[in-house]
N, C-alpha and C. Protein backbone atom coordinates (compact mmCIF):
# COMPACT_ATOMS: atom_id res chain seq x y z
N ARG A 1 0.84 -1.21 0.00
CA ARG A 1 0.00 0.00 0.00
C ARG A 1 0.87 1.25 0.00
N GLY A 2 0.51 2.19 -0.85
CA GLY A 2 1.29 3.43 -0.92
C GLY A 2 0.52 4.59 -0.32
N ASN A 3 -0.73 4.34 0.07
CA ASN A 3 -1.55 5.42 0.63
C ASN A 3 -1.67 5.25 2.14
N TYR A 4 -0.53 4.96 2.77
CA TYR A 4 -0.55 4.73 4.22
C TYR A 4 -0.78 6.04 4.98
N LEU A 5 -0.43 7.16 4.37
CA LEU A 5 -0.56 8.44 5.06
C LEU A 5 -2.03 8.70 5.45
N ALA A 6 -2.94 8.35 4.55
CA ALA A 6 -4.36 8.55 4.85
C ALA A 6 -4.77 7.70 6.05
N ASP A 7 -4.25 6.46 6.11
CA ASP A 7 -4.58 5.59 7.24
C ASP A 7 -4.01 6.16 8.53
N VAL A 8 -2.79 6.69 8.46
CA VAL A 8 -2.15 7.26 9.65
C VAL A 8 -2.96 8.45 10.16
N ILE A 9 -3.39 9.30 9.25
CA ILE A 9 -4.18 10.48 9.65
C ILE A 9 -5.50 10.03 10.28
N ALA A 10 -6.11 9.00 9.69
CA ALA A 10 -7.39 8.51 10.22
C ALA A 10 -7.20 7.95 11.63
N VAL A 11 -6.12 7.20 11.83
CA VAL A 11 -5.85 6.61 13.15
C VAL A 11 -5.57 7.71 14.17
N ILE A 12 -4.74 8.67 13.80
CA ILE A 12 -4.41 9.76 14.72
C ILE A 12 -5.67 10.56 15.06
N GLY A 13 -6.49 10.80 14.06
CA GLY A 13 -7.73 11.55 14.29
C GLY A 13 -8.65 10.80 15.26
N SER A 14 -8.78 9.48 15.07
CA SER A 14 -9.65 8.70 15.94
C SER A 14 -9.08 8.66 17.35
N LEU A 15 -7.75 8.49 17.46
CA LEU A 15 -7.13 8.44 18.78
C LEU A 15 -7.27 9.79 19.47
N ASP A 16 -7.10 10.87 18.72
CA ASP A 16 -7.22 12.21 19.30
C ASP A 16 -8.64 12.43 19.81
N PHE A 17 -9.63 11.90 19.08
CA PHE A 17 -11.02 12.05 19.50
C PHE A 17 -11.26 11.26 20.79
N VAL A 18 -10.77 10.03 20.82
CA VAL A 18 -10.97 9.18 22.00
C VAL A 18 -10.28 9.77 23.22
N PHE A 19 -9.00 10.13 23.07
CA PHE A 19 -8.25 10.68 24.20
C PHE A 19 -8.82 12.03 24.60
N GLY A 20 -9.26 12.81 23.63
CA GLY A 20 -9.81 14.13 23.95
C GLY A 20 -11.09 13.99 24.76
N GLU A 21 -11.93 13.01 24.40
CA GLU A 21 -13.18 12.80 25.12
C GLU A 21 -12.90 12.27 26.53
N SER A 22 -11.95 11.34 26.65
CA SER A 22 -11.67 10.74 27.95
C SER A 22 -10.87 11.69 28.84
N ASP A 23 -10.12 12.59 28.23
CA ASP A 23 -9.28 13.49 29.01
C ASP A 23 -10.12 14.58 29.68
N ARG A 24 -11.23 14.95 29.07
CA ARG A 24 -12.05 16.02 29.65
C ARG A 24 -13.11 15.43 30.59
């Protein structure tokens, strides 16, 4: 796969959402 950057952004975005919700 050469489009790994999109997957990385999606994972980071989901993790940021989860951690952001749990952190507050």
